[in-house]
Amino acid sequence: MKLSRRLVPDVTTLQAFECAARHGSFTQAAAELNLTQSAVSRQIKDLESQLGVLLFERVRQRVILSDAGQKFLPEVRRLLNQTEELMVRAMASARADSSLSIASLPTFGSRWLVQRLPDFLKRHPGTVVNIASRSEPFDFEEQNFDLAIHYGQPVWARAICSYLCSEVIVPAASPALLAVHPVASPADIGGSPLLHLATRPKLWAQWFETNDVEQDGAYRGNRFDQFSMVIEAATAGLGFALLPRYLIEQELTAGTLRIVLDRPMQTENSYYLAIPEGKLENPISRAFREWITEQVG
């Protein structure tokens, strides 16, 4: 799609708007940007003319964002942050033999991938890796990633999904909690405090059903939106948690978490590597796909 130059503002103009909004002053914005106050005022006026709305209201010696300005500001900041990230990544890649941008599930990235990444970089010296957290599928055409680690079904628009592994979860708890709530059977967990992953609220209900336990309280308990927070909550003794074993290797080794019962459950979804259709033959992407498949094996 061809962009309309008339609708694309200059980045320096957006910087002037963001700076003036942050300071509530054209004068202070000018000082930060090393411009004159009149130059900042002119940039804001041009932007307002381009948008057809007033972005600031003048109150005494200050400028205050209008309703339109308040709605516009978060998007401007997001765009400026993306622009800066683009430049930093480009500068880093220019100094490397090759680069690889990976979108990873947050907890998978921090607790599994990063620990094993030195082995990949040792095999491919001179490679610069950029890893960013993404919890949901996105448009590869809008976000410039070489590949993504995906949990769910092998479906991603304009990308090919290759199977990595299934997911097996186990009931885990801290030694302190087990001292108060000893467990000898699945039914013993029923009356105990439970921890839930907000994006998968049915896990405990499914686990109780798999183990032939009738449990009305399967949905009760505290909820967290990332496995990493569920792990921390379980380690702190807040409740019993259903967790992928590969995510709690460190806690099991250290003894801060224990597997309560040998009753693992395989979830209905799996992990996949999603690669944009146009980057399937990228040598470093192909090397990473081979490497991570070996690691999960």
Protein backbone atom coordinates (compact mmCIF):
# COMPACT_ATOMS: atom_id res chain seq x y z
CA MET A 1 0.00 0.00 0.00
CA LYS A 2 1.36 3.37 -1.04
CA LEU A 3 1.63 5.89 1.81
CA SER A 4 0.24 9.40 1.44
CA ARG A 5 3.03 11.87 2.20
CA ARG A 6 0.43 14.46 3.11
CA LEU A 7 -0.77 12.26 5.99
CA VAL A 8 2.66 11.31 7.33
CA PRO A 9 3.99 13.96 9.75
CA ASP A 10 7.66 14.69 10.21
CA VAL A 11 9.20 12.86 13.17
CA THR A 12 10.66 16.11 14.53
CA THR A 13 7.15 17.57 14.62
CA LEU A 14 5.90 14.60 16.62
CA GLN A 15 8.87 15.01 18.97
CA ALA A 16 7.96 18.65 19.50
CA PHE A 17 4.35 17.70 20.29
CA GLU A 18 5.37 14.97 22.76
CA CYS A 19 7.90 17.21 24.47
CA ALA A 20 5.46 20.13 24.78
CA ALA A 21 2.80 17.79 26.17
CA ARG A 22 5.22 16.39 28.74
CA HIS A 23 6.39 19.82 29.93
CA GLY A 24 3.12 21.68 29.47
CA SER A 25 5.23 24.44 27.95
CA PHE A 26 6.48 25.33 24.47
CA THR A 27 9.39 27.21 26.04
CA GLN A 28 10.65 24.21 28.04
CA ALA A 29 10.11 21.93 25.04
CA ALA A 30 12.21 24.30 22.93
CA ALA A 31 15.01 24.23 25.52
CA GLU A 32 15.04 20.41 25.55
CA LEU A 33 15.00 20.16 21.77
CA ASN A 34 17.53 22.98 21.31
CA LEU A 35 15.05 25.02 19.24
CA THR A 36 13.46 28.42 19.61
CA GLN A 37 10.06 28.76 21.24
CA SER A 38 8.63 30.11 17.99
CA ALA A 39 9.93 27.06 16.06
CA VAL A 40 8.15 24.66 18.44
CA SER A 41 4.99 26.77 18.30
CA ARG A 42 5.10 26.71 14.49
CA GLN A 43 5.57 22.92 14.42
CA ILE A 44 2.57 22.43 16.71
CA LYS A 45 0.47 24.82 14.62
CA ASP A 46 1.39 22.96 11.42
CA LEU A 47 0.48 19.64 13.05
CA GLU A 48 -2.86 21.04 14.23
CA SER A 49 -3.58 22.30 10.71
CA GLN A 50 -2.69 18.91 9.27
CA LEU A 51 -4.99 17.10 11.72
CA GLY A 52 -7.74 19.68 11.65
CA VAL A 53 -8.00 19.79 15.47
CA LEU A 54 -6.55 21.83 18.33
CA LEU A 55 -4.05 19.79 20.32
CA PHE A 56 -3.40 22.34 23.09
CA GLU A 57 -5.39 24.87 25.05
CA ARG A 58 -3.60 27.96 26.39
CA VAL A 59 -4.22 28.48 30.12
CA ARG A 60 -2.30 31.34 31.78
CA GLN A 61 1.39 30.64 31.22
CA ARG A 62 0.96 26.98 30.35
CA VAL A 63 -0.33 24.87 27.49
CA ILE A 64 -2.66 22.00 28.35
CA LEU A 65 -3.62 19.11 26.10
CA SER A 66 -7.08 19.29 24.61
CA ASP A 67 -9.29 16.17 24.50
CA ALA A 68 -7.99 15.49 20.99
CA GLY A 69 -4.41 15.99 22.19
CA GLN A 70 -4.88 13.53 25.05
CA LYS A 71 -6.12 10.87 22.62
CA PHE A 72 -3.29 11.60 20.19
CA LEU A 73 -0.42 11.55 22.71
CA PRO A 74 -0.25 7.78 23.50
CA GLU A 75 -0.14 6.93 19.79
CA VAL A 76 2.60 9.48 19.18
CA ARG A 77 4.69 8.05 22.02
CA ARG A 78 4.18 4.54 20.68
CA LEU A 79 5.29 5.63 17.21
CA LEU A 80 8.36 7.47 18.54
CA ASN A 81 9.35 4.44 20.63
CA GLN A 82 8.98 2.18 17.59
CA THR A 83 11.07 4.56 15.50
CA GLU A 84 13.83 4.61 18.09
CA GLU A 85 13.73 0.82 18.41
CA LEU A 86 13.94 0.49 14.63
CA MET A 87 17.04 2.67 14.49
CA VAL A 88 18.75 0.88 17.37
CA ARG A 89 18.07 -2.52 15.83
CA ALA A 90 19.31 -1.33 12.44
CA MET A 91 22.50 0.06 13.99
CA ALA A 92 23.11 -3.18 15.89
CA SER A 93 22.49 -5.29 12.80
CA ALA A 94 24.83 -3.17 10.71
CA ARG A 95 27.70 -4.17 13.00
CA ALA A 96 26.86 -7.88 12.98
CA ASP A 97 27.48 -10.68 10.51
CA SER A 98 23.77 -11.58 10.77
CA SER A 99 20.78 -10.68 12.91
CA LEU A 100 17.68 -12.49 14.10
CA SER A 101 14.52 -10.93 15.53
CA ILE A 102 12.42 -13.31 17.63
CA ALA A 103 8.98 -12.78 19.14
CA SER A 104 8.65 -15.05 22.15
CA LEU A 105 5.99 -15.86 24.69
CA PRO A 106 7.10 -13.88 27.78
CA THR A 107 7.71 -16.69 30.27
CA PHE A 108 9.00 -19.11 27.63
CA GLY A 109 11.54 -16.50 26.59
CA SER A 110 12.75 -15.54 30.05
CA ARG A 111 12.75 -18.97 31.69
CA TRP A 112 13.63 -21.37 28.88
CA LEU A 113 14.96 -19.68 25.75
CA VAL A 114 17.39 -17.14 27.23
CA GLN A 115 19.10 -19.79 29.37
CA ARG A 116 19.87 -21.88 26.28
CA LEU A 117 20.64 -19.00 23.92
CA PRO A 118 24.42 -18.96 24.63
CA ASP A 119 24.67 -22.34 22.91
CA PHE A 120 23.03 -20.97 19.74
CA LEU A 121 25.25 -17.88 19.72
CA LYS A 122 28.33 -20.03 20.26
CA ARG A 123 27.42 -22.04 17.18
CA HIS A 124 26.71 -18.87 15.17
CA PRO A 125 29.28 -16.28 16.25
CA GLY A 126 28.73 -12.75 15.05
CA THR A 127 24.95 -13.08 15.19
CA VAL A 128 22.93 -10.40 16.98
CA VAL A 129 19.64 -11.58 18.47
CA ASN A 130 16.71 -9.34 19.30
CA ILE A 131 14.03 -10.96 21.49
CA ALA A 132 10.73 -9.26 22.28
CA SER A 133 7.73 -10.52 24.25
CA ARG A 134 4.50 -11.16 22.39
CA SER A 135 1.60 -13.05 23.94
CA GLU A 136 -0.70 -13.14 20.90
CA PRO A 137 -0.29 -13.60 17.14
CA PHE A 138 0.42 -10.39 15.22
CA ASP A 139 0.87 -9.25 11.63
CA PHE A 140 4.40 -10.03 10.45
CA GLU A 141 4.05 -7.33 7.81
CA GLU A 142 3.54 -4.69 10.51
CA GLN A 143 6.07 -6.03 13.01
CA ASN A 144 9.43 -6.95 11.54
CA PHE A 145 10.22 -10.29 13.20
CA ASP A 146 12.00 -13.19 11.55
CA LEU A 147 10.04 -15.75 13.55
CA ALA A 148 7.79 -16.18 16.55
CA ILE A 149 7.34 -18.81 19.24
CA HIS A 150 3.62 -19.54 19.40
CA TYR A 151 1.42 -21.52 21.80
CA GLY A 152 -1.92 -22.68 20.47
CA GLN A 153 -2.97 -24.23 17.16
CA PRO A 154 -0.75 -24.19 14.03
CA VAL A 155 -2.59 -21.22 12.54
CA TRP A 156 -0.95 -17.85 11.78
CA ALA A 157 -1.82 -15.50 8.92
CA ARG A 158 0.86 -15.35 6.19
CA ALA A 159 3.20 -17.61 8.18
CA ILE A 160 4.12 -21.28 8.30
CA CYS A 161 3.90 -23.01 11.69
CA SER A 162 6.24 -25.90 12.47
CA TYR A 163 5.64 -28.10 15.52
CA LEU A 164 8.03 -27.75 18.45
CA CYS A 165 6.54 -29.73 21.32
CA SER A 166 3.44 -30.48 23.31
CA GLU A 167 2.91 -29.06 26.79
CA VAL A 168 2.62 -31.14 29.95
CA ILE A 169 1.62 -29.43 33.17
CA VAL A 170 2.09 -30.70 36.72
CA PRO A 171 0.62 -29.66 40.09
CA ALA A 172 3.27 -27.83 42.11
CA ALA A 173 3.52 -26.06 45.44
CA SER A 174 6.04 -24.70 47.92
CA PRO A 175 7.31 -26.88 50.78
CA ALA A 176 5.80 -24.40 53.26
CA LEU A 177 2.33 -24.79 51.76
CA LEU A 178 2.64 -28.58 51.67
CA ALA A 179 3.48 -28.54 55.37
CA VAL A 180 0.12 -26.88 56.03
CA HIS A 181 -1.86 -28.66 53.29
CA PRO A 182 -0.35 -32.15 52.88
CA VAL A 183 -1.43 -33.96 49.72
CA ALA A 184 -1.82 -37.70 49.28
CA SER A 185 -4.40 -37.73 46.47
CA PRO A 186 -5.92 -35.32 43.91
CA ALA A 187 -8.94 -34.81 46.16
CA ASP A 188 -6.68 -33.33 48.86
CA ILE A 189 -5.91 -30.36 46.61
CA GLY A 190 -9.60 -29.54 46.23
CA GLY A 191 -10.01 -27.65 49.47
CA SER A 192 -6.66 -25.87 49.22
CA PRO A 193 -5.89 -22.42 47.76
CA LEU A 194 -5.49 -22.56 43.98
CA LEU A 195 -3.56 -20.29 41.62
CA HIS A 196 -4.81 -19.65 38.09
CA LEU A 197 -3.39 -18.39 34.81
CA ALA A 198 -5.94 -15.80 33.66
CA THR A 199 -5.61 -16.74 29.99
CA ARG A 200 -6.31 -20.40 30.79
CA PRO A 201 -8.98 -20.32 33.51
CA LYS A 202 -10.15 -23.92 32.99
CA LEU A 203 -6.86 -25.70 33.73
CA TRP A 204 -7.72 -26.77 37.27
CA ALA A 205 -11.23 -27.86 36.28
CA GLN A 206 -9.74 -30.00 33.49
CA TRP A 207 -7.13 -31.47 35.82
CA PHE A 208 -9.73 -32.42 38.44
CA GLU A 209 -11.90 -33.97 35.73
CA THR A 210 -8.95 -35.94 34.36
CA ASN A 211 -8.30 -37.29 37.85
CA ASP A 212 -11.98 -38.13 38.52
CA VAL A 213 -12.37 -35.55 41.24
CA GLU A 214 -15.62 -33.63 41.63
CA GLN A 215 -14.63 -30.12 42.63
CA ASP A 216 -16.93 -27.12 42.86
CA GLY A 217 -14.05 -24.79 43.78
CA ALA A 218 -11.95 -25.40 40.65
CA TYR A 219 -12.33 -21.77 39.55
CA ARG A 220 -11.70 -20.13 42.91
CA GLY A 221 -8.43 -18.51 43.81
CA ASN A 222 -6.05 -15.76 42.73
CA ARG A 223 -5.41 -15.10 39.04
CA PHE A 224 -2.30 -13.88 37.21
CA ASP A 225 -1.82 -13.06 33.54
CA GLN A 226 1.64 -14.63 33.10
CA PHE A 227 3.07 -18.02 34.06
CA SER A 228 6.05 -16.17 35.56
CA MET A 229 3.76 -14.53 38.13
CA VAL A 230 1.99 -17.81 38.88
CA ILE A 231 5.40 -19.38 39.54
CA GLU A 232 6.40 -16.57 41.89
CA ALA A 233 3.06 -16.81 43.69
CA ALA A 234 3.44 -20.57 44.11
CA THR A 235 7.00 -20.15 45.38
CA ALA A 236 5.71 -17.61 47.91
CA GLY A 237 3.25 -20.20 49.20
CA LEU A 238 0.07 -18.50 47.97
CA GLY A 239 -1.41 -21.69 46.56
CA PHE A 240 -1.17 -24.79 44.38
CA ALA A 241 -0.38 -24.17 40.71
CA LEU A 242 -0.55 -26.14 37.48
CA LEU A 243 2.70 -25.38 35.68
CA PRO A 244 4.67 -26.67 32.69
CA ARG A 245 7.56 -28.60 34.15
CA TYR A 246 10.09 -27.03 31.77
CA LEU A 247 9.31 -23.60 33.25
CA ILE A 248 10.11 -24.59 36.84
CA GLU A 249 13.37 -26.48 36.37
CA GLN A 250 15.28 -24.01 38.57
CA GLU A 251 12.70 -24.09 41.39
CA LEU A 252 12.57 -27.89 41.39
CA THR A 253 16.35 -28.10 41.53
CA ALA A 254 16.54 -25.52 44.32
CA GLY A 255 13.68 -27.12 46.23
CA THR A 256 11.59 -23.96 46.37
CA LEU A 257 8.82 -25.81 44.51
CA ARG A 258 7.84 -29.45 44.57
CA ILE A 259 5.71 -31.52 42.24
CA VAL A 260 2.79 -32.41 44.49
CA LEU A 261 1.58 -35.56 42.72
CA ASP A 262 2.79 -37.57 39.75
CA ARG A 263 -0.34 -36.68 37.81
CA PRO A 264 0.81 -34.77 34.70
CA MET A 265 -1.74 -33.54 32.16
CA GLN A 266 -1.12 -32.73 28.52
CA THR A 267 -2.84 -29.55 27.37
CA GLU A 268 -4.89 -29.40 24.18
CA ASN A 269 -2.54 -26.92 22.49
CA SER A 270 1.15 -27.13 21.59
CA TYR A 271 4.17 -24.94 20.90
CA TYR A 272 5.00 -23.96 17.34
CA LEU A 273 7.59 -21.89 15.51
CA ALA A 274 5.86 -19.40 13.19
CA ILE A 275 7.95 -18.08 10.30
CA PRO A 276 6.74 -15.48 7.76
CA GLU A 277 6.24 -16.96 4.31
CA GLY A 278 8.85 -14.65 2.82
CA LYS A 279 11.57 -15.65 5.32
CA LEU A 280 11.41 -19.44 5.18
CA GLU A 281 14.75 -19.66 3.37
CA ASN A 282 16.55 -17.10 5.55
CA PRO A 283 19.76 -18.99 6.55
CA ILE A 284 19.86 -17.75 10.16
CA SER A 285 16.13 -18.41 10.63
CA ARG A 286 16.58 -21.91 9.29
CA ALA A 287 19.56 -22.44 11.62
CA PHE A 288 17.53 -21.28 14.61
CA ARG A 289 14.65 -23.57 13.68
CA GLU A 290 17.00 -26.56 13.55
CA TRP A 291 18.66 -25.54 16.83
CA ILE A 292 15.48 -25.00 18.86
CA THR A 293 13.97 -28.24 17.53
CA GLU A 294 17.06 -30.02 18.80
CA GLN A 295 16.80 -28.28 22.18
CA VAL A 296 13.17 -29.17 22.84
CA GLY A 297 13.90 -32.73 21.76
